[in-house]
């Protein structure tokens, strides 16, 4: 008898392609809004610019990769940047602020797996 993966055994289907398309649309909005003013959850102003697939912040020496944004997107919605920080998202305060901004959001990602 063949061994089934848990997802297949439980009747789950992947939604990877629509999720990726949703994230790519969000990433394009992130690119379009580079240079604009944003605020962290605590109200600190910042802006960012894009270099390659990295987001650089004017208030920090850190930068965040597109892949980190995608990971954060998959976690959304979350109450605050602390949740992202616990998942090792670099620049969690900035990432949370960007993904929750109405110019970028909504900061919800469809689940990867559905019944």
PDB file of N, CA and C in Angstrom:
ATOM      1  N   UNK A   1       0.850  -1.176   0.000  1.00  0.00           N
ATOM      2  CA  UNK A   1       0.000   0.000   0.000  1.00  0.00           C
ATOM      3  C   UNK A   1       0.902   1.247   0.000  1.00  0.00           C
ATOM      4  N   UNK A   2       0.628   2.239  -0.878  1.00  0.00           N
ATOM      5  CA  UNK A   2       1.480   3.425  -0.928  1.00  0.00           C
ATOM      6  C   UNK A   2       1.302   4.300   0.301  1.00  0.00           C
ATOM      7  N   UNK A   3       2.359   5.002   0.655  1.00  0.00           N
ATOM      8  CA  UNK A   3       2.333   5.922   1.790  1.00  0.00           C
ATOM      9  C   UNK A   3       1.890   7.290   1.279  1.00  0.00           C
ATOM     10  N   UNK A   4       0.891   7.869   1.920  1.00  0.00           N
ATOM     11  CA  UNK A   4       0.391   9.182   1.537  1.00  0.00           C
ATOM     12  C   UNK A   4       0.938  10.245   2.470  1.00  0.00           C
ATOM     13  N   UNK A   5       1.195  11.407   1.938  1.00  0.00           N
ATOM     14  CA  UNK A   5       1.550  12.533   2.788  1.00  0.00           C
ATOM     15  C   UNK A   5       0.345  12.888   3.637  1.00  0.00           C
ATOM     16  N   UNK A   6       0.598  13.500   4.784  1.00  0.00           N
ATOM     17  CA  UNK A   6      -0.482  13.867   5.704  1.00  0.00           C
ATOM     18  C   UNK A   6      -1.545  14.702   4.995  1.00  0.00           C
ATOM     19  N   UNK A   7      -1.116  15.684   4.180  1.00  0.00           N
ATOM     20  CA  UNK A   7      -2.073  16.557   3.512  1.00  0.00           C
ATOM     21  C   UNK A   7      -3.001  15.767   2.598  1.00  0.00           C
ATOM     22  N   UNK A   8      -2.429  14.850   1.828  1.00  0.00           N
ATOM     23  CA  UNK A   8      -3.240  14.040   0.927  1.00  0.00           C
ATOM     24  C   UNK A   8      -4.141  13.095   1.709  1.00  0.00           C
ATOM     25  N   UNK A   9      -3.607  12.510   2.762  1.00  0.00           N
ATOM     26  CA  UNK A   9      -4.378  11.580   3.569  1.00  0.00           C
ATOM     27  C   UNK A   9      -5.567  12.273   4.230  1.00  0.00           C
ATOM     28  N   UNK A  10      -5.406  13.548   4.582  1.00  0.00           N
ATOM     29  CA  UNK A  10      -6.482  14.280   5.254  1.00  0.00           C
ATOM     30  C   UNK A  10      -7.374  15.039   4.278  1.00  0.00           C
ATOM     31  N   UNK A  11      -7.158  14.859   2.975  1.00  0.00           N
ATOM     32  CA  UNK A  11      -8.006  15.517   1.996  1.00  0.00           C
ATOM     33  C   UNK A  11      -7.734  17.003   1.830  1.00  0.00           C
ATOM     34  N   UNK A  12      -6.514  17.433   2.155  1.00  0.00           N
ATOM     35  CA  UNK A  12      -6.176  18.841   2.020  1.00  0.00           C
ATOM     36  C   UNK A  12      -5.649  19.115   0.615  1.00  0.00           C
ATOM     37  N   UNK A  13      -5.931  20.303   0.098  1.00  0.00           N
ATOM     38  CA  UNK A  13      -5.410  20.702  -1.200  1.00  0.00           C
ATOM     39  C   UNK A  13      -4.553  21.943  -1.026  1.00  0.00           C
ATOM     40  N   UNK A  14      -3.538  22.057  -1.834  1.00  0.00           N
ATOM     41  CA  UNK A  14      -2.663  23.218  -1.711  1.00  0.00           C
ATOM     42  C   UNK A  14      -3.246  24.397  -2.465  1.00  0.00           C
ATOM     43  N   UNK A  15      -2.946  25.573  -1.976  1.00  0.00           N
ATOM     44  CA  UNK A  15      -3.343  26.812  -2.643  1.00  0.00           C
ATOM     45  C   UNK A  15      -2.089  27.646  -2.881  1.00  0.00           C
ATOM     46  N   UNK A  16      -0.989  26.992  -3.190  1.00  0.00           N
ATOM     47  CA  UNK A  16       0.296  27.661  -3.349  1.00  0.00           C
ATOM     48  C   UNK A  16       0.273  28.698  -4.472  1.00  0.00           C
ATOM     49  N   UNK A  17      -0.279  28.359  -5.637  1.00  0.00           N
ATOM     50  CA  UNK A  17      -0.260  29.297  -6.756  1.00  0.00           C
ATOM     51  C   UNK A  17      -1.060  30.565  -6.471  1.00  0.00           C
ATOM     52  N   UNK A  18      -2.304  30.487  -6.000  1.00  0.00           N
ATOM     53  CA  UNK A  18      -3.012  31.738  -5.679  1.00  0.00           C
ATOM     54  C   UNK A  18      -2.320  32.536  -4.576  1.00  0.00           C
ATOM     55  N   UNK A  19      -1.756  31.871  -3.588  1.00  0.00           N
ATOM     56  CA  UNK A  19      -1.062  32.566  -2.510  1.00  0.00           C
ATOM     57  C   UNK A  19       0.146  33.301  -3.059  1.00  0.00           C
ATOM     58  N   UNK A  20       0.898  32.655  -3.924  1.00  0.00           N
ATOM     59  CA  UNK A  20       2.065  33.291  -4.518  1.00  0.00           C
ATOM     60  C   UNK A  20       1.654  34.493  -5.362  1.00  0.00           C
ATOM     61  N   UNK A  21       0.585  34.367  -6.128  1.00  0.00           N
ATOM     62  CA  UNK A  21       0.089  35.495  -6.932  1.00  0.00           C
ATOM     63  C   UNK A  21      -0.329  36.644  -6.026  1.00  0.00           C
ATOM     64  N   UNK A  22      -0.996  36.345  -4.911  1.00  0.00           N
ATOM     65  CA  UNK A  22      -1.394  37.389  -3.961  1.00  0.00           C
ATOM     66  C   UNK A  22      -0.172  38.066  -3.365  1.00  0.00           C
ATOM     67  N   UNK A  23       0.848  37.295  -3.006  1.00  0.00           N
ATOM     68  CA  UNK A  23       2.048  37.900  -2.457  1.00  0.00           C
ATOM     69  C   UNK A  23       2.746  38.753  -3.513  1.00  0.00           C
ATOM     70  N   UNK A  24       2.832  38.276  -4.736  1.00  0.00           N
ATOM     71  CA  UNK A  24       3.500  39.049  -5.795  1.00  0.00           C
ATOM     72  C   UNK A  24       2.792  40.384  -6.022  1.00  0.00           C
ATOM     73  N   UNK A  25       1.459  40.403  -5.948  1.00  0.00           N
ATOM     74  CA  UNK A  25       0.717  41.665  -6.068  1.00  0.00           C
ATOM     75  C   UNK A  25       1.066  42.588  -4.899  1.00  0.00           C
ATOM     76  N   UNK A  26       1.189  42.025  -3.707  1.00  0.00           N
ATOM     77  CA  UNK A  26       1.588  42.806  -2.534  1.00  0.00           C
ATOM     78  C   UNK A  26       3.004  43.329  -2.708  1.00  0.00           C
ATOM     79  N   UNK A  27       3.909  42.493  -3.199  1.00  0.00           N
ATOM     80  CA  UNK A  27       5.293  42.911  -3.410  1.00  0.00           C
ATOM     81  C   UNK A  27       5.355  44.076  -4.409  1.00  0.00           C
ATOM     82  N   UNK A  28       4.538  44.025  -5.450  1.00  0.00           N
ATOM     83  CA  UNK A  28       4.516  45.126  -6.423  1.00  0.00           C
ATOM     84  C   UNK A  28       4.041  46.430  -5.768  1.00  0.00           C
ATOM     85  N   UNK A  29       3.082  46.335  -4.845  1.00  0.00           N
ATOM     86  CA  UNK A  29       2.644  47.533  -4.112  1.00  0.00           C
ATOM     87  C   UNK A  29       3.758  48.038  -3.193  1.00  0.00           C
ATOM     88  N   UNK A  30       4.511  47.131  -2.600  1.00  0.00           N
ATOM     89  CA  UNK A  30       5.656  47.540  -1.775  1.00  0.00           C
ATOM     90  C   UNK A  30       6.648  48.309  -2.634  1.00  0.00           C
ATOM     91  N   UNK A  31       6.946  47.811  -3.813  1.00  0.00           N
ATOM     92  CA  UNK A  31       7.872  48.489  -4.727  1.00  0.00           C
ATOM     93  C   UNK A  31       7.322  49.867  -5.114  1.00  0.00           C
ATOM     94  N   UNK A  32       6.047  49.934  -5.491  1.00  0.00           N
ATOM     95  CA  UNK A  32       5.446  51.211  -5.923  1.00  0.00           C
ATOM     96  C   UNK A  32       5.434  52.263  -4.825  1.00  0.00           C
ATOM     97  N   UNK A  33       5.388  51.865  -3.573  1.00  0.00           N
ATOM     98  CA  UNK A  33       5.294  52.816  -2.465  1.00  0.00           C
ATOM     99  C   UNK A  33       6.638  53.129  -1.818  1.00  0.00           C
ATOM    100  N   UNK A  34       7.730  52.647  -2.413  1.00  0.00           N
ATOM    101  CA  UNK A  34       9.063  52.971  -1.893  1.00  0.00           C
ATOM    102  C   UNK A  34       9.243  54.484  -1.907  1.00  0.00           C
ATOM    103  N   UNK A  35       9.853  55.003  -0.852  1.00  0.00           N
ATOM    104  CA  UNK A  35      10.089  56.432  -0.730  1.00  0.00           C
ATOM    105  C   UNK A  35       8.971  57.190  -0.033  1.00  0.00           C
ATOM    106  N   UNK A  36       7.832  56.558   0.156  1.00  0.00           N
ATOM    107  CA  UNK A  36       6.707  57.185   0.853  1.00  0.00           C
ATOM    108  C   UNK A  36       6.913  57.092   2.366  1.00  0.00           C
ATOM    109  N   UNK A  37       6.199  57.914   3.096  1.00  0.00           N
ATOM    110  CA  UNK A  37       6.271  57.883   4.547  1.00  0.00           C
ATOM    111  C   UNK A  37       5.388  56.797   5.142  1.00  0.00           C
ATOM    112  N   UNK A  38       5.916  56.078   6.100  1.00  0.00           N
ATOM    113  CA  UNK A  38       5.204  55.038   6.840  1.00  0.00           C
ATOM    114  C   UNK A  38       5.426  55.279   8.326  1.00  0.00           C
ATOM    115  N   UNK A  39       4.655  54.581   9.163  1.00  0.00           N
ATOM    116  CA  UNK A  39       4.829  54.659  10.614  1.00  0.00           C
ATOM    117  C   UNK A  39       4.785  53.261  11.213  1.00  0.00           C
ATOM    118  N   UNK A  40       5.689  53.041  12.172  1.00  0.00           N
ATOM    119  CA  UNK A  40       5.674  51.770  12.887  1.00  0.00           C
ATOM    120  C   UNK A  40       4.445  51.724  13.789  1.00  0.00           C
ATOM    121  N   UNK A  41       4.222  50.597  14.414  1.00  0.00           N
ATOM    122  CA  UNK A  41       3.087  50.463  15.332  1.00  0.00           C
ATOM    123  C   UNK A  41       3.179  51.480  16.466  1.00  0.00           C
ATOM    124  N   UNK A  42       4.395  51.820  16.873  1.00  0.00           N
ATOM    125  CA  UNK A  42       4.595  52.814  17.935  1.00  0.00           C
ATOM    126  C   UNK A  42       4.573  54.254  17.419  1.00  0.00           C
ATOM    127  N   UNK A  43       4.359  54.423  16.120  1.00  0.00           N
ATOM    128  CA  UNK A  43       4.224  55.758  15.550  1.00  0.00           C
ATOM    129  C   UNK A  43       5.503  56.393  15.045  1.00  0.00           C
ATOM    130  N   UNK A  44       6.607  55.653  15.003  1.00  0.00           N
ATOM    131  CA  UNK A  44       7.866  56.210  14.516  1.00  0.00           C
ATOM    132  C   UNK A  44       7.837  56.293  12.991  1.00  0.00           C
ATOM    133  N   UNK A  45       8.150  57.462  12.435  1.00  0.00           N
ATOM    134  CA  UNK A  45       8.131  57.597  10.970  1.00  0.00           C
ATOM    135  C   UNK A  45       9.351  56.929  10.332  1.00  0.00           C
ATOM    136  N   UNK A  46       9.152  56.394   9.145  1.00  0.00           N
ATOM    137  CA  UNK A  46      10.260  55.820   8.377  1.00  0.00           C
ATOM    138  C   UNK A  46       9.861  55.776   6.911  1.00  0.00           C
ATOM    139  N   UNK A  47      10.852  55.603   6.072  1.00  0.00           N
ATOM    140  CA  UNK A  47      10.609  55.303   4.663  1.00  0.00           C
ATOM    141  C   UNK A  47      11.590  54.202   4.271  1.00  0.00           C
ATOM    142  N   UNK A  48      11.438  53.710   3.080  1.00  0.00           N
ATOM    143  CA  UNK A  48      12.301  52.621   2.628  1.00  0.00           C
ATOM    144  C   UNK A  48      12.576  52.775   1.142  1.00  0.00           C
ATOM    145  N   UNK A  49      13.590  52.071   0.695  1.00  0.00           N
ATOM    146  CA  UNK A  49      13.869  51.988  -0.730  1.00  0.00           C
ATOM    147  C   UNK A  49      14.183  50.540  -1.055  1.00  0.00           C
ATOM    148  N   UNK A  50      14.063  50.214  -2.334  1.00  0.00           N
ATOM    149  CA  UNK A  50      14.284  48.850  -2.805  1.00  0.00           C
ATOM    150  C   UNK A  50      15.618  48.802  -3.546  1.00  0.00           C
ATOM    151  N   UNK A  51      16.412  47.801  -3.218  1.00  0.00           N
ATOM    152  CA  UNK A  51      17.647  47.540  -3.948  1.00  0.00           C
ATOM    153  C   UNK A  51      17.676  46.052  -4.246  1.00  0.00           C
ATOM    154  N   UNK A  52      17.488  45.693  -5.502  1.00  0.00           N
ATOM    155  CA  UNK A  52      17.361  44.281  -5.867  1.00  0.00           C
ATOM    156  C   UNK A  52      16.085  43.722  -5.273  1.00  0.00           C
ATOM    157  N   UNK A  53      16.219  42.671  -4.489  1.00  0.00           N
ATOM    158  CA  UNK A  53      15.076  42.077  -3.790  1.00  0.00           C
ATOM    159  C   UNK A  53      15.134  42.353  -2.295  1.00  0.00           C
ATOM    160  N   UNK A  54      15.753  43.469  -1.918  1.00  0.00           N
ATOM    161  CA  UNK A  54      15.866  43.845  -0.511  1.00  0.00           C
ATOM    162  C   UNK A  54      15.203  45.192  -0.267  1.00  0.00           C
ATOM    163  N   UNK A  55      14.591  45.318   0.894  1.00  0.00           N
ATOM    164  CA  UNK A  55      14.000  46.580   1.345  1.00  0.00           C
ATOM    165  C   UNK A  55      14.954  47.167   2.379  1.00  0.00           C
ATOM    166  N   UNK A  56      15.400  48.410   2.137  1.00  0.00           N
ATOM    167  CA  UNK A  56      16.310  49.119   3.035  1.00  0.00           C
ATOM    168  C   UNK A  56      15.541  50.254   3.702  1.00  0.00           C
ATOM    169  N   UNK A  57      15.804  50.483   4.978  1.00  0.00           N
ATOM    170  CA  UNK A  57      15.060  51.464   5.773  1.00  0.00           C
ATOM    171  C   UNK A  57      15.943  52.658   6.106  1.00  0.00           C
ATOM    172  N   UNK A  58      15.324  53.838   6.139  1.00  0.00           N
ATOM    173  CA  UNK A  58      16.090  55.049   6.441  1.00  0.00           C
ATOM    174  C   UNK A  58      16.437  55.173   7.922  1.00  0.00           C
ATOM    175  N   UNK A  59      15.790  54.426   8.792  1.00  0.00           N
ATOM    176  CA  UNK A  59      16.049  54.506  10.236  1.00  0.00           C
ATOM    177  C   UNK A  59      16.918  53.362  10.749  1.00  0.00           C
ATOM    178  N   UNK A  60      17.438  52.543   9.862  1.00  0.00           N
ATOM    179  CA  UNK A  60      18.128  51.338  10.312  1.00  0.00           C
ATOM    180  C   UNK A  60      19.233  50.951   9.345  1.00  0.00           C
ATOM    181  N   UNK A  61      20.224  50.251   9.853  1.00  0.00           N
ATOM    182  CA  UNK A  61      21.251  49.677   8.985  1.00  0.00           C
ATOM    183  C   UNK A  61      20.799  48.318   8.450  1.00  0.00           C
ATOM    184  N   UNK A  62      19.709  47.787   8.986  1.00  0.00           N
ATOM    185  CA  UNK A  62      19.193  46.491   8.567  1.00  0.00           C
ATOM    186  C   UNK A  62      18.440  46.622   7.254  1.00  0.00           C
ATOM    187  N   UNK A  63      18.324  45.515   6.562  1.00  0.00           N
ATOM    188  CA  UNK A  63      17.451  45.438   5.399  1.00  0.00           C
ATOM    189  C   UNK A  63      16.727  44.096   5.448  1.00  0.00           C
ATOM    190  N   UNK A  64      15.627  44.024   4.732  1.00  0.00           N
ATOM    191  CA  UNK A  64      14.788  42.827   4.757  1.00  0.00           C
ATOM    192  C   UNK A  64      14.647  42.295   3.339  1.00  0.00           C
ATOM    193  N   UNK A  65      14.852  41.007   3.184  1.00  0.00           N
ATOM    194  CA  UNK A  65      14.751  40.388   1.860  1.00  0.00           C
ATOM    195  C   UNK A  65      13.291  40.177   1.474  1.00  0.00           C
ATOM    196  N   UNK A  66      13.088  40.052   0.186  1.00  0.00           N
ATOM    197  CA  UNK A  66      11.752  39.731  -0.330  1.00  0.00           C
ATOM    198  C   UNK A  66      11.267  38.425   0.298  1.00  0.00           C
ATOM    199  N   UNK A  67      12.154  37.475   0.454  1.00  0.00           N
ATOM    200  CA  UNK A  67      11.782  36.177   1.046  1.00  0.00           C
ATOM    201  C   UNK A  67      11.290  36.349   2.482  1.00  0.00           C
ATOM    202  N   UNK A  68      11.930  37.242   3.252  1.00  0.00           N
ATOM    203  CA  UNK A  68      11.458  37.512   4.609  1.00  0.00           C
ATOM    204  C   UNK A  68      10.073  38.147   4.578  1.00  0.00           C
ATOM    205  N   UNK A  69       9.831  39.053   3.623  1.00  0.00           N
ATOM    206  CA  UNK A  69       8.500  39.642   3.485  1.00  0.00           C
ATOM    207  C   UNK A  69       7.471  38.563   3.152  1.00  0.00           C
ATOM    208  N   UNK A  70       7.845  37.630   2.296  1.00  0.00           N
ATOM    209  CA  UNK A  70       6.923  36.555   1.934  1.00  0.00           C
ATOM    210  C   UNK A  70       6.603  35.685   3.150  1.00  0.00           C
ATOM    211  N   UNK A  71       7.606  35.389   3.959  1.00  0.00           N
ATOM    212  CA  UNK A  71       7.384  34.621   5.184  1.00  0.00           C
ATOM    213  C   UNK A  71       6.442  35.377   6.119  1.00  0.00           C
ATOM    214  N   UNK A  72       6.683  36.675   6.281  1.00  0.00           N
ATOM    215  CA  UNK A  72       5.815  37.499   7.131  1.00  0.00           C
ATOM    216  C   UNK A  72       4.398  37.544   6.574  1.00  0.00           C
ATOM    217  N   UNK A  73       4.275  37.669   5.264  1.00  0.00           N
ATOM    218  CA  UNK A  73       2.965  37.688   4.609  1.00  0.00           C
ATOM    219  C   UNK A  73       2.181  36.418   4.930  1.00  0.00           C
ATOM    220  N   UNK A  74       2.871  35.292   4.917  1.00  0.00           N
ATOM    221  CA  UNK A  74       2.227  34.014   5.227  1.00  0.00           C
ATOM    222  C   UNK A  74       1.748  33.936   6.670  1.00  0.00           C
ATOM    223  N   UNK A  75       2.363  34.701   7.557  1.00  0.00           N
ATOM    224  CA  UNK A  75       1.980  34.697   8.970  1.00  0.00           C
ATOM    225  C   UNK A  75       0.809  35.628   9.254  1.00  0.00           C
ATOM    226  N   UNK A  76       0.552  36.580   8.376  1.00  0.00           N
ATOM    227  CA  UNK A  76      -0.465  37.601   8.620  1.00  0.00           C
ATOM    228  C   UNK A  76      -1.858  37.005   8.604  1.00  0.00           C
ATOM    229  N   UNK A  77      -2.787  37.614   9.343  1.00  0.00           N
ATOM    230  CA  UNK A  77      -2.608  38.794  10.187  1.00  0.00           C
ATOM    231  C   UNK A  77      -2.089  38.420  11.571  1.00  0.00           C
ATOM    232  N   UNK A  78      -1.253  39.287  12.115  1.00  0.00           N
ATOM    233  CA  UNK A  78      -0.753  39.142  13.482  1.00  0.00           C
ATOM    234  C   UNK A  78      -0.952  40.474  14.205  1.00  0.00           C
ATOM    235  N   UNK A  79      -1.022  40.425  15.524  1.00  0.00           N
ATOM    236  CA  UNK A  79      -1.349  41.606  16.325  1.00  0.00           C
ATOM    237  C   UNK A  79      -0.261  42.666  16.293  1.00  0.00           C
ATOM    238  N   UNK A  80       0.988  42.271  16.137  1.00  0.00           N
ATOM    239  CA  UNK A  80       2.056  43.262  16.167  1.00  0.00           C
ATOM    240  C   UNK A  80       3.367  42.674  15.706  1.00  0.00           C
ATOM    241  N   UNK A  81       4.387  43.516  15.623  1.00  0.00           N
ATOM    242  CA  UNK A  81       5.685  43.065  15.121  1.00  0.00           C
ATOM    243  C   UNK A  81       6.382  42.042  16.015  1.00  0.00           C
ATOM    244  N   UNK A  82       6.019  41.966  17.268  1.00  0.00           N
ATOM    245  CA  UNK A  82       6.635  40.984  18.161  1.00  0.00           C
ATOM    246  C   UNK A  82       6.423  39.560  17.682  1.00  0.00           C
ATOM    247  N   UNK A  83       5.267  39.299  17.100  1.00  0.00           N
ATOM    248  CA  UNK A  83       4.990  37.957  16.564  1.00  0.00           C
ATOM    249  C   UNK A  83       5.943  37.664  15.408  1.00  0.00           C
ATOM    250  N   UNK A  84       6.157  38.652  14.549  1.00  0.00           N
ATOM    251  CA  UNK A  84       7.082  38.458  13.426  1.00  0.00           C
ATOM    252  C   UNK A  84       8.501  38.272  13.928  1.00  0.00           C
ATOM    253  N   UNK A  85       8.865  39.014  14.951  1.00  0.00           N
ATOM    254  CA  UNK A  85      10.204  38.899  15.533  1.00  0.00           C
ATOM    255  C   UNK A  85      10.446  37.491  16.055  1.00  0.00           C
ATOM    256  N   UNK A  86       9.430  36.899  16.667  1.00  0.00           N
ATOM    257  CA  UNK A  86       9.560  35.527  17.181  1.00  0.00           C
ATOM    258  C   UNK A  86       9.727  34.512  16.050  1.00  0.00           C
ATOM    259  N   UNK A  87       9.379  34.902  14.835  1.00  0.00           N
ATOM    260  CA  UNK A  87       9.571  34.038  13.666  1.00  0.00           C
ATOM    261  C   UNK A  87      10.807  34.455  12.870  1.00  0.00           C
ATOM    262  N   UNK A  88      11.708  35.212  13.516  1.00  0.00           N
ATOM    263  CA  UNK A  88      12.995  35.614  12.937  1.00  0.00           C
ATOM    264  C   UNK A  88      12.865  36.473  11.677  1.00  0.00           C
ATOM    265  N   UNK A  89      11.833  37.306  11.624  1.00  0.00           N
ATOM    266  CA  UNK A  89      11.689  38.244  10.514  1.00  0.00           C
ATOM    267  C   UNK A  89      12.582  39.449  10.800  1.00  0.00           C
ATOM    268  N   UNK A  90      13.527  39.718   9.916  1.00  0.00           N
ATOM    269  CA  UNK A  90      14.449  40.846  10.074  1.00  0.00           C
ATOM    270  C   UNK A  90      13.678  42.146   9.852  1.00  0.00           C
ATOM    271  N   UNK A  91      13.857  43.110  10.757  1.00  0.00           N
ATOM    272  CA  UNK A  91      13.163  44.389  10.635  1.00  0.00           C
ATOM    273  C   UNK A  91      11.676  44.256  10.884  1.00  0.00           C
ATOM    274  N   UNK A  92      11.311  43.437  11.858  1.00  0.00           N
ATOM    275  CA  UNK A  92       9.897  43.096  12.082  1.00  0.00           C
ATOM    276  C   UNK A  92       8.998  44.310  12.267  1.00  0.00           C
ATOM    277  N   UNK A  93       9.469  45.352  12.943  1.00  0.00           N
ATOM    278  CA  UNK A  93       8.635  46.546  13.141  1.00  0.00           C
ATOM    279  C   UNK A  93       8.302  47.205  11.809  1.00  0.00           C
ATOM    280  N   UNK A  94       9.289  47.252  10.918  1.00  0.00           N
ATOM    281  CA  UNK A  94       9.076  47.870   9.610  1.00  0.00           C
ATOM    282  C   UNK A  94       8.223  46.976   8.713  1.00  0.00           C
ATOM    283  N   UNK A  95       8.516  45.696   8.716  1.00  0.00           N
ATOM    284  CA  UNK A  95       7.765  44.752   7.893  1.00  0.00           C
ATOM    285  C   UNK A  95       6.300  44.760   8.298  1.00  0.00           C
ATOM    286  N   UNK A  96       6.037  44.708   9.614  1.00  0.00           N
ATOM    287  CA  UNK A  96       4.652  44.722  10.095  1.00  0.00           C
ATOM    288  C   UNK A  96       3.952  46.003   9.654  1.00  0.00           C
ATOM    289  N   UNK A  97       4.637  47.142   9.804  1.00  0.00           N
ATOM    290  CA  UNK A  97       4.039  48.430   9.433  1.00  0.00           C
ATOM    291  C   UNK A  97       3.719  48.481   7.943  1.00  0.00           C
ATOM    292  N   UNK A  98       4.624  48.009   7.121  1.00  0.00           N
ATOM    293  CA  UNK A  98       4.409  48.041   5.676  1.00  0.00           C
ATOM    294  C   UNK A  98       3.249  47.133   5.287  1.00  0.00           C
ATOM    295  N   UNK A  99       3.244  45.902   5.781  1.00  0.00           N
ATOM    296  CA  UNK A  99       2.188  44.959   5.399  1.00  0.00           C
ATOM    297  C   UNK A  99       0.819  45.357   5.943  1.00  0.00           C
ATOM    298  N   UNK A 100       0.783  46.155   6.995  1.00  0.00           N
ATOM    299  CA  UNK A 100      -0.496  46.580   7.561  1.00  0.00           C
ATOM    300  C   UNK A 100      -0.937  47.955   7.074  1.00  0.00           C
ATOM    301  N   UNK A 101      -0.144  48.601   6.250  1.00  0.00           N
ATOM    302  CA  UNK A 101      -0.509  49.902   5.711  1.00  0.00           C
ATOM    303  C   UNK A 101      -1.583  49.723   4.631  1.00  0.00           C
ATOM    304  N   UNK A 102      -2.616  50.580   4.614  1.00  0.00           N
ATOM    305  CA  UNK A 102      -3.690  50.418   3.618  1.00  0.00           C
ATOM    306  C   UNK A 102      -3.213  50.556   2.175  1.00  0.00           C
ATOM    307  N   UNK A 103      -2.085  51.191   1.936  1.00  0.00           N
ATOM    308  CA  UNK A 103      -1.552  51.269   0.568  1.00  0.00           C
ATOM    309  C   UNK A 103      -0.994  49.934   0.108  1.00  0.00           C
ATOM    310  N   UNK A 104      -0.644  49.091   1.050  1.00  0.00           N
ATOM    311  CA  UNK A 104      -0.015  47.806   0.743  1.00  0.00           C
ATOM    312  C   UNK A 104      -0.978  46.653   0.965  1.00  0.00           C
ATOM    313  N   UNK A 105      -1.685  46.666   2.107  1.00  0.00           N
ATOM    314  CA  UNK A 105      -2.519  45.564   2.562  1.00  0.00           C
ATOM    315  C   UNK A 105      -3.667  45.266   1.628  1.00  0.00           C
ATOM    316  N   UNK A 106      -4.583  44.430   2.013  1.00  0.00           N
ATOM    317  CA  UNK A 106      -4.712  43.932   3.375  1.00  0.00           C
ATOM    318  C   UNK A 106      -3.636  42.907   3.695  1.00  0.00           C
ATOM    319  N   UNK A 107      -3.263  42.876   4.954  1.00  0.00           N
ATOM    320  CA  UNK A 107      -2.177  41.997   5.389  1.00  0.00           C
ATOM    321  C   UNK A 107      -2.707  40.632   5.784  1.00  0.00           C
ATOM    322  N   UNK A 108      -3.481  40.048   4.904  1.00  0.00           N
ATOM    323  CA  UNK A 108      -3.962  38.698   5.151  1.00  0.00           C
ATOM    324  C   UNK A 108      -3.536  37.840   3.981  1.00  0.00           C
ATOM    325  N   UNK A 109      -3.087  36.679   4.274  1.00  0.00           N
ATOM    326  CA  UNK A 109      -2.712  35.738   3.239  1.00  0.00           C
ATOM    327  C   UNK A 109      -3.666  34.559   3.311  1.00  0.00           C
ATOM    328  N   UNK A 110      -4.097  34.067   2.150  1.00  0.00           N
ATOM    329  CA  UNK A 110      -4.925  32.871   2.187  1.00  0.00           C
ATOM    330  C   UNK A 110      -4.139  31.711   2.754  1.00  0.00           C
ATOM    331  N   UNK A 111      -4.812  30.799   3.447  1.00  0.00           N
ATOM    332  CA  UNK A 111      -4.080  29.669   4.002  1.00  0.00           C
ATOM    333  C   UNK A 111      -3.445  28.824   2.924  1.00  0.00           C
ATOM    334  N   UNK A 112      -2.304  28.240   3.261  1.00  0.00           N
ATOM    335  CA  UNK A 112      -1.619  27.369   2.278  1.00  0.00           C
ATOM    336  C   UNK A 112      -2.408  26.093   2.038  1.00  0.00           C
ATOM    337  N   UNK A 113      -3.064  25.631   3.046  1.00  0.00           N
ATOM    338  CA  UNK A 113      -3.804  24.371   2.939  1.00  0.00           C
ATOM    339  C   UNK A 113      -5.257  24.601   3.322  1.00  0.00           C
ATOM    340  N   UNK A 114      -6.151  23.971   2.600  1.00  0.00           N
ATOM    341  CA  UNK A 114      -7.583  24.070   2.894  1.00  0.00           C
ATOM    342  C   UNK A 114      -8.202  22.703   2.882  1.00  0.00           C
ATOM    343  N   UNK A 115      -9.221  22.553   3.694  1.00  0.00           N
ATOM    344  CA  UNK A 115     -10.001  21.300   3.654  1.00  0.00           C
ATOM    345  C   UNK A 115     -10.954  21.378   2.518  1.00  0.00           C
TER     346      UNK A 115
END
